Structures are given as C-alpha cells and as structure tokens.
Amino acid sequence: MDLVEVAANARPPVCRIMDYGKFKYQQAVKAKEARRRQSHIVIKEMKMRPKIDKHDYATKSRHVERFLREGSKVKATVTFRGREMTHTELGLRLLDRLAEDMQGLAYVETAPSQDGRSMTMILAPHKTGPRPGEGGAEGAAGGRGSGVDEGSAEAQAAEPRRGTATTG
C-alpha cells in the first residue's frame, strides 16, 4: 500500500492510501479503451480538372460517394493550368455540382475556396447517414447509378457482357 497524492492543487492537498501499481494499470487500461473507442477521421482527396468529361466525372463522383459511405471526409480539388485560370467559375460550377450530387450523403464542411492554382472544397458525411453494408434505395443497383432501369430491355441486353464472355 502506498500513500498517493490525488489532488495536489486542492487546499488542503488530498492523499489516498492505495496500491499504486494497480492504480497505474487501471489508468492504462482506461486510456487504451478510450483510444479504441475514439473515431479516427480520414480525409480522402479527389482531384479533378475543370474540363472533365461527363464519364470521368461520373467515375470520380462514385469514388467520392464510396468514401463518404465509408465515413471518410472528402477533399475535392480542381486544379487549373495555363489559361484555365481565367475561367475559375468552371471549377466553382464543378464543385457545386459535386456538392449537389452528394447532398443526400454529405454536407459541405468547407465552401469552395481558391488558393493559387487550385480550388478546394471539403465534404463531410452526415452523422445519421446509412452505415457501410446497409442497403438503401440503391442497394440493388450497387449504388452505381447506371441510369439504366434494371427491368428494361437495355439492361437485359447488356447483362451478359458484364462478367463473362458469351459464345454465339
């Protein structure tokens, strides 16, 4: 048993008789448990150019959607080169479009701002959003948003080409 000073700043100072080794062990276990329960914030970055093609934009927005569903924040960056610097409104429109597309999943934590040759915006997932593994309305389609109705003739014609080659 040891005499341990618990509150040195109190008047009068408070001391306690305890097993100091056991006390230190319990403090270490509490600290470890607190670190384990702590949420780890990850920021993923998605880089784009102002003259991005619609298919490239769709791919990058799907990646952003996946990152947000995993619970990560996303830093969207539009990089300007050369004469593109005179048309920064194109980058602003692109970031606004991304924010609008992700409106159900995330909110804009940091509004689009330009620093040098790049314009950045940070999206953070909603706290009450769907957890990874939970299927929402897009669960059957895999969240891809292919734009083709699954029951249509187009989808049925395109189905055999996805995974395996067909002989015919």
N, C-alpha and C. Protein backbone atom coordinates (compact mmCIF):
# COMPACT_ATOMS: atom_id res chain seq x y z
N MET A 1 0.84 -1.18 0.00
CA MET A 1 0.00 0.00 0.00
C MET A 1 0.88 1.24 0.00
N ASP A 2 0.42 2.23 -0.76
CA ASP A 2 1.18 3.46 -0.91
C ASP A 2 0.30 4.65 -0.56
N LEU A 3 0.93 5.73 -0.15
CA LEU A 3 0.24 6.99 0.09
C LEU A 3 0.42 7.82 -1.17
N VAL A 4 -0.70 8.05 -1.91
CA VAL A 4 -0.65 8.72 -3.21
C VAL A 4 -1.38 10.04 -3.12
N GLU A 5 -0.73 11.10 -3.64
CA GLU A 5 -1.35 12.42 -3.68
C GLU A 5 -2.29 12.47 -4.87
N VAL A 6 -3.59 12.61 -4.61
CA VAL A 6 -4.60 12.55 -5.66
C VAL A 6 -4.83 13.93 -6.25
N ALA A 7 -5.01 14.96 -5.42
CA ALA A 7 -5.28 16.31 -5.89
C ALA A 7 -4.29 17.26 -5.23
N ALA A 8 -3.25 17.60 -5.96
CA ALA A 8 -2.20 18.45 -5.38
C ALA A 8 -2.64 19.90 -5.29
N ASN A 9 -3.52 20.34 -6.18
CA ASN A 9 -3.93 21.75 -6.20
C ASN A 9 -5.01 22.08 -5.19
N ALA A 10 -5.64 21.09 -4.59
CA ALA A 10 -6.70 21.33 -3.61
C ALA A 10 -6.10 21.84 -2.30
N ARG A 11 -6.89 22.59 -1.56
CA ARG A 11 -6.45 23.08 -0.25
C ARG A 11 -7.33 22.47 0.81
N PRO A 12 -6.87 21.66 1.67
CA PRO A 12 -5.54 21.07 1.76
C PRO A 12 -5.36 19.98 0.70
N PRO A 13 -4.12 19.63 0.33
CA PRO A 13 -3.87 18.59 -0.66
C PRO A 13 -4.50 17.26 -0.22
N VAL A 14 -5.04 16.52 -1.23
CA VAL A 14 -5.75 15.28 -0.92
C VAL A 14 -4.84 14.09 -1.22
N CYS A 15 -4.70 13.20 -0.26
CA CYS A 15 -3.90 11.98 -0.42
C CYS A 15 -4.80 10.77 -0.17
N ARG A 16 -4.35 9.62 -0.70
CA ARG A 16 -5.15 8.41 -0.59
C ARG A 16 -4.22 7.22 -0.40
N ILE A 17 -4.64 6.27 0.37
CA ILE A 17 -3.86 5.04 0.55
C ILE A 17 -4.39 4.02 -0.44
N MET A 18 -3.51 3.58 -1.36
CA MET A 18 -3.93 2.63 -2.39
C MET A 18 -2.73 1.87 -2.92
N ASP A 19 -3.02 0.84 -3.69
CA ASP A 19 -1.98 0.08 -4.37
C ASP A 19 -1.65 0.85 -5.65
N TYR A 20 -0.52 1.52 -5.69
CA TYR A 20 -0.19 2.41 -6.80
C TYR A 20 0.01 1.66 -8.11
N GLY A 21 0.59 0.48 -8.09
CA GLY A 21 0.78 -0.32 -9.30
C GLY A 21 -0.55 -0.69 -9.94
N LYS A 22 -1.51 -1.09 -9.11
CA LYS A 22 -2.84 -1.42 -9.62
C LYS A 22 -3.51 -0.18 -10.19
N PHE A 23 -3.35 0.96 -9.53
CA PHE A 23 -3.93 2.22 -9.99
C PHE A 23 -3.38 2.59 -11.37
N LYS A 24 -2.06 2.49 -11.54
CA LYS A 24 -1.43 2.82 -12.84
C LYS A 24 -1.93 1.87 -13.93
N TYR A 25 -2.09 0.58 -13.60
CA TYR A 25 -2.58 -0.40 -14.56
C TYR A 25 -4.00 -0.04 -15.00
N GLN A 26 -4.86 0.31 -14.05
CA GLN A 26 -6.24 0.67 -14.38
C GLN A 26 -6.30 1.93 -15.24
N GLN A 27 -5.43 2.90 -14.97
CA GLN A 27 -5.37 4.12 -15.78
C GLN A 27 -4.96 3.78 -17.22
N ALA A 28 -3.98 2.87 -17.37
CA ALA A 28 -3.53 2.47 -18.70
C ALA A 28 -4.63 1.75 -19.46
N VAL A 29 -5.39 0.90 -18.78
CA VAL A 29 -6.50 0.18 -19.43
C VAL A 29 -7.57 1.17 -19.87
N LYS A 30 -7.90 2.15 -19.03
CA LYS A 30 -8.90 3.16 -19.39
C LYS A 30 -8.44 3.97 -20.60
N ALA A 31 -7.17 4.35 -20.62
CA ALA A 31 -6.64 5.13 -21.74
C ALA A 31 -6.67 4.32 -23.04
N LYS A 32 -6.33 3.05 -22.94
CA LYS A 32 -6.36 2.17 -24.12
C LYS A 32 -7.78 2.02 -24.65
N GLU A 33 -8.73 1.85 -23.75
CA GLU A 33 -10.14 1.72 -24.14
C GLU A 33 -10.64 3.00 -24.79
N ALA A 34 -10.24 4.14 -24.26
CA ALA A 34 -10.66 5.43 -24.83
C ALA A 34 -10.09 5.60 -26.24
N ARG A 35 -8.83 5.18 -26.44
CA ARG A 35 -8.24 5.27 -27.78
C ARG A 35 -8.95 4.35 -28.76
N ARG A 36 -9.38 3.19 -28.28
CA ARG A 36 -10.05 2.23 -29.15
C ARG A 36 -11.43 2.74 -29.58
N ARG A 37 -12.13 3.40 -28.69
CA ARG A 37 -13.47 3.91 -28.99
C ARG A 37 -13.44 5.22 -29.77
N GLN A 38 -12.29 5.84 -29.82
CA GLN A 38 -12.16 7.14 -30.47
C GLN A 38 -12.37 6.99 -31.98
N SER A 39 -13.10 7.95 -32.57
CA SER A 39 -13.32 7.89 -34.02
C SER A 39 -12.10 8.48 -34.72
N HIS A 40 -11.65 7.79 -35.74
CA HIS A 40 -10.48 8.21 -36.49
C HIS A 40 -10.97 8.87 -37.78
N ILE A 41 -10.70 10.15 -37.94
CA ILE A 41 -11.18 10.89 -39.10
C ILE A 41 -10.15 10.79 -40.21
N VAL A 42 -10.62 10.33 -41.37
CA VAL A 42 -9.76 10.18 -42.53
C VAL A 42 -10.26 11.15 -43.60
N ILE A 43 -9.33 11.88 -44.22
CA ILE A 43 -9.70 12.77 -45.31
C ILE A 43 -9.12 12.20 -46.59
N LYS A 44 -10.02 11.85 -47.52
CA LYS A 44 -9.61 11.36 -48.83
C LYS A 44 -9.66 12.55 -49.78
N GLU A 45 -8.82 12.54 -50.81
CA GLU A 45 -8.80 13.65 -51.76
C GLU A 45 -9.15 13.14 -53.15
N MET A 46 -9.98 13.91 -53.85
CA MET A 46 -10.34 13.60 -55.22
C MET A 46 -9.94 14.81 -56.06
N LYS A 47 -9.01 14.58 -56.99
CA LYS A 47 -8.51 15.66 -57.84
C LYS A 47 -9.20 15.63 -59.20
N MET A 48 -9.58 16.80 -59.68
CA MET A 48 -10.24 16.92 -60.97
C MET A 48 -9.68 18.12 -61.72
N ARG A 49 -10.03 18.19 -62.98
CA ARG A 49 -9.69 19.34 -63.83
C ARG A 49 -10.99 19.99 -64.26
N PRO A 50 -10.97 21.28 -64.61
CA PRO A 50 -12.23 21.94 -64.97
C PRO A 50 -12.86 21.39 -66.25
N LYS A 51 -12.06 20.85 -67.16
CA LYS A 51 -12.59 20.33 -68.41
C LYS A 51 -12.75 18.81 -68.34
N ILE A 52 -13.37 18.32 -67.27
CA ILE A 52 -13.53 16.89 -67.06
C ILE A 52 -14.69 16.38 -67.92
N ASP A 53 -14.54 15.20 -68.49
CA ASP A 53 -15.58 14.59 -69.30
C ASP A 53 -16.68 14.06 -68.38
N LYS A 54 -17.90 13.92 -68.90
CA LYS A 54 -19.02 13.50 -68.05
C LYS A 54 -18.83 12.09 -67.50
N HIS A 55 -18.19 11.20 -68.27
CA HIS A 55 -17.97 9.84 -67.78
C HIS A 55 -16.89 9.81 -66.70
N ASP A 56 -15.84 10.62 -66.88
CA ASP A 56 -14.81 10.72 -65.85
C ASP A 56 -15.40 11.31 -64.57
N TYR A 57 -16.27 12.31 -64.73
CA TYR A 57 -16.92 12.91 -63.57
C TYR A 57 -17.78 11.86 -62.85
N ALA A 58 -18.50 11.05 -63.62
CA ALA A 58 -19.34 10.02 -63.01
C ALA A 58 -18.50 9.04 -62.20
N THR A 59 -17.36 8.63 -62.76
CA THR A 59 -16.47 7.70 -62.05
C THR A 59 -15.95 8.33 -60.77
N LYS A 60 -15.48 9.56 -60.86
CA LYS A 60 -14.93 10.22 -59.67
C LYS A 60 -16.01 10.47 -58.63
N SER A 61 -17.22 10.81 -59.07
CA SER A 61 -18.29 11.04 -58.10
C SER A 61 -18.69 9.73 -57.41
N ARG A 62 -18.60 8.60 -58.11
CA ARG A 62 -18.86 7.30 -57.46
C ARG A 62 -17.81 7.01 -56.40
N HIS A 63 -16.55 7.36 -56.69
CA HIS A 63 -15.49 7.18 -55.69
C HIS A 63 -15.76 8.07 -54.47
N VAL A 64 -16.15 9.31 -54.72
CA VAL A 64 -16.47 10.22 -53.62
C VAL A 64 -17.62 9.66 -52.79
N GLU A 65 -18.64 9.14 -53.47
CA GLU A 65 -19.79 8.55 -52.78
C GLU A 65 -19.34 7.37 -51.91
N ARG A 66 -18.46 6.53 -52.45
CA ARG A 66 -17.96 5.38 -51.68
C ARG A 66 -17.20 5.84 -50.44
N PHE A 67 -16.33 6.86 -50.62
CA PHE A 67 -15.57 7.38 -49.48
C PHE A 67 -16.52 7.90 -48.40
N LEU A 68 -17.57 8.63 -48.81
CA LEU A 68 -18.50 9.18 -47.84
C LEU A 68 -19.28 8.09 -47.13
N ARG A 69 -19.65 7.04 -47.86
CA ARG A 69 -20.38 5.93 -47.24
C ARG A 69 -19.50 5.20 -46.23
N GLU A 70 -18.18 5.18 -46.46
CA GLU A 70 -17.25 4.56 -45.51
C GLU A 70 -17.05 5.43 -44.28
N GLY A 71 -17.52 6.67 -44.33
CA GLY A 71 -17.40 7.57 -43.18
C GLY A 71 -16.23 8.53 -43.26
N SER A 72 -15.54 8.58 -44.39
CA SER A 72 -14.41 9.49 -44.54
C SER A 72 -14.87 10.84 -45.05
N LYS A 73 -14.12 11.86 -44.72
CA LYS A 73 -14.34 13.17 -45.32
C LYS A 73 -13.66 13.17 -46.68
N VAL A 74 -14.15 14.03 -47.59
CA VAL A 74 -13.58 14.08 -48.93
C VAL A 74 -13.19 15.52 -49.24
N LYS A 75 -11.94 15.68 -49.67
CA LYS A 75 -11.46 16.98 -50.11
C LYS A 75 -11.44 16.95 -51.64
N ALA A 76 -12.34 17.71 -52.26
CA ALA A 76 -12.42 17.76 -53.72
C ALA A 76 -11.57 18.94 -54.19
N THR A 77 -10.64 18.66 -55.10
CA THR A 77 -9.71 19.68 -55.59
C THR A 77 -9.82 19.79 -57.10
N VAL A 78 -9.98 21.02 -57.57
CA VAL A 78 -9.96 21.30 -59.01
C VAL A 78 -8.68 22.07 -59.28
N THR A 79 -7.84 21.54 -60.16
CA THR A 79 -6.56 22.17 -60.47
C THR A 79 -6.66 22.86 -61.82
N PHE A 80 -6.20 24.10 -61.88
CA PHE A 80 -6.23 24.89 -63.11
C PHE A 80 -4.83 24.98 -63.68
N ARG A 81 -4.73 24.93 -65.02
CA ARG A 81 -3.43 25.07 -65.68
C ARG A 81 -3.56 26.11 -66.79
N GLY A 82 -2.55 26.91 -66.90
CA GLY A 82 -2.46 27.87 -68.01
C GLY A 82 -3.65 28.81 -68.09
N ARG A 83 -4.30 28.81 -69.26
CA ARG A 83 -5.41 29.73 -69.49
C ARG A 83 -6.67 29.36 -68.74
N GLU A 84 -6.71 28.19 -68.15
CA GLU A 84 -7.88 27.80 -67.35
C GLU A 84 -8.04 28.72 -66.14
N MET A 85 -6.96 29.39 -65.73
CA MET A 85 -7.03 30.28 -64.57
C MET A 85 -7.99 31.44 -64.81
N THR A 86 -8.23 31.80 -66.06
CA THR A 86 -9.15 32.92 -66.33
C THR A 86 -10.61 32.48 -66.19
N HIS A 87 -10.85 31.17 -66.16
CA HIS A 87 -12.22 30.67 -66.06
C HIS A 87 -12.40 29.82 -64.80
N THR A 88 -12.11 30.42 -63.66
CA THR A 88 -12.24 29.69 -62.40
C THR A 88 -13.70 29.38 -62.06
N GLU A 89 -14.63 30.09 -62.72
CA GLU A 89 -16.05 29.82 -62.46
C GLU A 89 -16.44 28.41 -62.91
N LEU A 90 -15.69 27.84 -63.87
CA LEU A 90 -15.94 26.46 -64.29
C LEU A 90 -15.64 25.49 -63.15
N GLY A 91 -14.55 25.74 -62.45
CA GLY A 91 -14.21 24.90 -61.30
C GLY A 91 -15.22 25.05 -60.18
N LEU A 92 -15.69 26.27 -59.96
CA LEU A 92 -16.70 26.51 -58.93
C LEU A 92 -17.99 25.78 -59.28
N ARG A 93 -18.38 25.83 -60.56
CA ARG A 93 -19.58 25.11 -61.00
C ARG A 93 -19.42 23.60 -60.81
N LEU A 94 -18.23 23.09 -61.09
CA LEU A 94 -17.96 21.66 -60.94
C LEU A 94 -18.08 21.23 -59.47
N LEU A 95 -17.50 22.02 -58.58
CA LEU A 95 -17.57 21.69 -57.15
C LEU A 95 -19.00 21.82 -56.63
N ASP A 96 -19.73 22.83 -57.11
CA ASP A 96 -21.13 22.98 -56.70
C ASP A 96 -21.96 21.79 -57.18
N ARG A 97 -21.67 21.32 -58.41
CA ARG A 97 -22.39 20.17 -58.94
C ARG A 97 -22.10 18.92 -58.10
N LEU A 98 -20.84 18.74 -57.70
CA LEU A 98 -20.48 17.61 -56.85
C LEU A 98 -21.20 17.69 -55.51
N ALA A 99 -21.24 18.88 -54.92
CA ALA A 99 -21.92 19.06 -53.64
C ALA A 99 -23.40 18.76 -53.78
N GLU A 100 -24.00 19.17 -54.88
CA GLU A 100 -25.42 18.91 -55.11
C GLU A 100 -25.68 17.41 -55.31
N ASP A 101 -24.77 16.73 -56.03
CA ASP A 101 -24.93 15.29 -56.25
C ASP A 101 -24.79 14.50 -54.96
N MET A 102 -23.99 14.97 -54.03
CA MET A 102 -23.75 14.26 -52.77
C MET A 102 -24.61 14.79 -51.64
N GLN A 103 -25.62 15.59 -51.96
CA GLN A 103 -26.42 16.26 -50.95
C GLN A 103 -27.07 15.29 -49.96
N GLY A 104 -27.52 14.13 -50.41
CA GLY A 104 -28.15 13.17 -49.52
C GLY A 104 -27.18 12.48 -48.59
N LEU A 105 -25.91 12.39 -49.00
CA LEU A 105 -24.89 11.69 -48.22
C LEU A 105 -24.06 12.60 -47.34
N ALA A 106 -23.83 13.84 -47.81
CA ALA A 106 -22.86 14.69 -47.13
C ALA A 106 -23.30 16.14 -47.12
N TYR A 107 -22.61 16.91 -46.32
CA TYR A 107 -22.80 18.36 -46.31
C TYR A 107 -21.46 19.01 -46.59
N VAL A 108 -21.50 20.25 -47.05
CA VAL A 108 -20.28 20.98 -47.37
C VAL A 108 -19.72 21.53 -46.07
N GLU A 109 -18.58 20.97 -45.66
CA GLU A 109 -17.94 21.42 -44.42
C GLU A 109 -17.17 22.71 -44.66
N THR A 110 -16.45 22.77 -45.79
CA THR A 110 -15.72 23.97 -46.16
C THR A 110 -16.13 24.35 -47.56
N ALA A 111 -16.65 25.55 -47.73
CA ALA A 111 -17.12 26.02 -49.04
C ALA A 111 -15.94 26.10 -50.01
N PRO A 112 -16.22 26.05 -51.32
CA PRO A 112 -15.14 26.13 -52.30
C PRO A 112 -14.34 27.41 -52.14
N SER A 113 -13.03 27.26 -52.06
CA SER A 113 -12.15 28.42 -51.94
C SER A 113 -10.92 28.17 -52.81
N GLN A 114 -10.43 29.26 -53.38
CA GLN A 114 -9.29 29.13 -54.28
C GLN A 114 -8.02 29.57 -53.58
N ASP A 115 -6.99 28.75 -53.70
CA ASP A 115 -5.68 29.13 -53.21
C ASP A 115 -4.68 28.75 -54.29
N GLY A 116 -4.14 29.77 -54.94
CA GLY A 116 -3.19 29.54 -56.03
C GLY A 116 -3.89 28.98 -57.25
N ARG A 117 -3.36 27.87 -57.75
CA ARG A 117 -3.90 27.27 -58.96
C ARG A 117 -4.93 26.17 -58.68
N SER A 118 -5.34 26.04 -57.45
CA SER A 118 -6.32 25.00 -57.11
C SER A 118 -7.49 25.58 -56.31
N MET A 119 -8.63 24.95 -56.49
CA MET A 119 -9.84 25.32 -55.76
C MET A 119 -10.26 24.07 -54.99
N THR A 120 -10.51 24.22 -53.69
CA THR A 120 -10.81 23.06 -52.86
C THR A 120 -12.14 23.24 -52.13
N MET A 121 -12.74 22.10 -51.80
CA MET A 121 -13.96 22.06 -51.02
C MET A 121 -13.91 20.76 -50.21
N ILE A 122 -14.40 20.80 -48.97
CA ILE A 122 -14.40 19.60 -48.14
C ILE A 122 -15.84 19.19 -47.87
N LEU A 123 -16.12 17.91 -48.15
CA LEU A 123 -17.43 17.32 -47.88
C LEU A 123 -17.28 16.37 -46.70
N ALA A 124 -18.24 16.41 -45.79
CA ALA A 124 -18.23 15.51 -44.63
C ALA A 124 -19.53 14.73 -44.62
N PRO A 125 -19.48 13.44 -44.27
CA PRO A 125 -20.70 12.64 -44.26
C PRO A 125 -21.65 13.07 -43.15
N HIS A 126 -22.96 12.91 -43.40
CA HIS A 126 -23.95 13.18 -42.35
C HIS A 126 -23.75 12.17 -41.24
N LYS A 127 -23.95 12.58 -40.01
CA LYS A 127 -23.76 11.69 -38.88
C LYS A 127 -24.84 10.62 -38.82
N THR A 128 -26.05 10.91 -39.32
CA THR A 128 -27.14 9.96 -39.27
C THR A 128 -27.31 9.21 -40.58
N GLY A 129 -26.32 9.28 -41.45
CA GLY A 129 -26.40 8.62 -42.75
C GLY A 129 -26.33 7.12 -42.64
N PRO A 130 -26.58 6.41 -43.74
CA PRO A 130 -26.52 4.95 -43.72
C PRO A 130 -25.12 4.45 -43.44
N ARG A 131 -25.02 3.40 -42.69
CA ARG A 131 -23.73 2.79 -42.34
C ARG A 131 -23.27 1.89 -43.48
N PRO A 132 -21.98 1.61 -43.56
CA PRO A 132 -21.49 0.69 -44.60
C PRO A 132 -22.14 -0.67 -44.43
N GLY A 133 -22.55 -1.24 -45.56
CA GLY A 133 -23.16 -2.56 -45.52
C GLY A 133 -24.67 -2.51 -45.50
N GLU A 134 -25.25 -1.36 -45.10
CA GLU A 134 -26.69 -1.24 -45.11
C GLU A 134 -27.13 -0.86 -46.51
N GLY A 135 -28.13 -1.54 -47.03
CA GLY A 135 -28.62 -1.24 -48.36
C GLY A 135 -29.74 -0.23 -48.29
N GLY A 136 -29.61 0.85 -49.03
CA GLY A 136 -30.67 1.84 -49.10
C GLY A 136 -31.46 1.62 -50.38
N ALA A 137 -31.93 2.70 -50.98
CA ALA A 137 -32.69 2.60 -52.22
C ALA A 137 -31.80 2.11 -53.36
N GLU A 138 -30.51 2.40 -53.27
CA GLU A 138 -29.61 1.97 -54.34
C GLU A 138 -28.92 0.66 -54.02
N GLY A 139 -29.41 -0.08 -53.07
CA GLY A 139 -28.80 -1.34 -52.67
C GLY A 139 -28.81 -2.38 -53.77
N ALA A 140 -29.89 -2.45 -54.54
CA ALA A 140 -29.98 -3.46 -55.59
C ALA A 140 -29.06 -3.13 -56.76
N ALA A 141 -28.88 -1.84 -57.03
CA ALA A 141 -28.04 -1.44 -58.15
C ALA A 141 -26.59 -1.30 -57.74
N GLY A 142 -26.30 -1.49 -56.47
CA GLY A 142 -24.93 -1.38 -56.01
C GLY A 142 -24.50 0.06 -55.84
N GLY A 143 -25.47 1.00 -55.89
CA GLY A 143 -25.15 2.41 -55.71
C GLY A 143 -24.44 3.00 -56.90
N ARG A 144 -24.42 2.32 -58.02
CA ARG A 144 -23.67 2.79 -59.17
C ARG A 144 -24.39 3.88 -59.94
N GLY A 145 -25.74 3.83 -59.95
CA GLY A 145 -26.48 4.84 -60.68
C GLY A 145 -26.20 4.74 -62.16
N SER A 146 -26.37 3.56 -62.76
CA SER A 146 -26.01 3.35 -64.15
C SER A 146 -26.92 4.09 -65.10
N GLY A 147 -28.10 4.51 -64.64
CA GLY A 147 -29.01 5.24 -65.50
C GLY A 147 -29.87 4.31 -66.34
N VAL A 148 -29.68 3.01 -66.26
CA VAL A 148 -30.48 2.04 -67.00
C VAL A 148 -31.35 1.29 -66.01
N ASP A 149 -32.67 1.27 -66.28
CA ASP A 149 -33.59 0.56 -65.42
C ASP A 149 -33.28 -0.92 -65.49
N GLU A 150 -33.23 -1.59 -64.32
CA GLU A 150 -32.81 -2.99 -64.29
C GLU A 150 -33.77 -3.93 -65.01
N GLY A 151 -35.04 -3.56 -65.08
CA GLY A 151 -36.02 -4.43 -65.71
C GLY A 151 -36.19 -4.15 -67.20
N SER A 152 -35.51 -3.16 -67.74
CA SER A 152 -35.71 -2.78 -69.14
C SER A 152 -34.98 -3.72 -70.09
N ALA A 153 -35.32 -3.60 -71.36
CA ALA A 153 -34.70 -4.43 -72.39
C ALA A 153 -33.22 -4.09 -72.53
N GLU A 154 -32.88 -2.81 -72.33
CA GLU A 154 -31.47 -2.40 -72.43
C GLU A 154 -30.62 -3.11 -71.38
N ALA A 155 -31.15 -3.16 -70.16
CA ALA A 155 -30.40 -3.79 -69.08
C ALA A 155 -30.25 -5.29 -69.31
N GLN A 156 -31.30 -5.93 -69.82
CA GLN A 156 -31.22 -7.37 -70.07
C GLN A 156 -30.28 -7.67 -71.22
N ALA A 157 -30.23 -6.78 -72.23
CA ALA A 157 -29.32 -6.98 -73.35
C ALA A 157 -27.88 -6.76 -72.92
N ALA A 158 -27.66 -5.84 -71.99
CA ALA A 158 -26.31 -5.52 -71.55
C ALA A 158 -25.80 -6.49 -70.49
N GLU A 159 -26.69 -7.24 -69.88
CA GLU A 159 -26.32 -8.11 -68.77
C GLU A 159 -25.27 -9.14 -69.11
N PRO A 160 -25.33 -9.91 -70.22
CA PRO A 160 -24.32 -10.94 -70.46
C PRO A 160 -22.92 -10.39 -70.67
N ARG A 161 -22.77 -9.13 -71.04
CA ARG A 161 -21.45 -8.58 -71.33
C ARG A 161 -20.67 -8.19 -70.09
N ARG A 162 -21.28 -8.17 -68.93
CA ARG A 162 -20.61 -7.68 -67.73
C ARG A 162 -19.45 -8.54 -67.27
N GLY A 163 -19.73 -9.78 -66.93
CA GLY A 163 -18.71 -10.57 -66.27
C GLY A 163 -18.00 -11.56 -67.16
N THR A 164 -18.72 -12.31 -67.97
CA THR A 164 -18.10 -13.38 -68.73
C THR A 164 -18.38 -13.21 -70.21
N ALA A 165 -17.51 -13.78 -71.00
CA ALA A 165 -17.70 -13.71 -72.44
C ALA A 165 -18.73 -14.77 -72.85
N THR A 166 -19.54 -14.43 -73.84
CA THR A 166 -20.55 -15.37 -74.30
C THR A 166 -20.15 -15.90 -75.66
N THR A 167 -20.51 -17.11 -75.93
CA THR A 167 -20.21 -17.71 -77.23
C THR A 167 -21.49 -17.70 -78.04
N GLY A 168 -21.38 -17.40 -79.29
CA GLY A 168 -22.63 -17.34 -80.03
C GLY A 168 -22.44 -17.25 -81.42
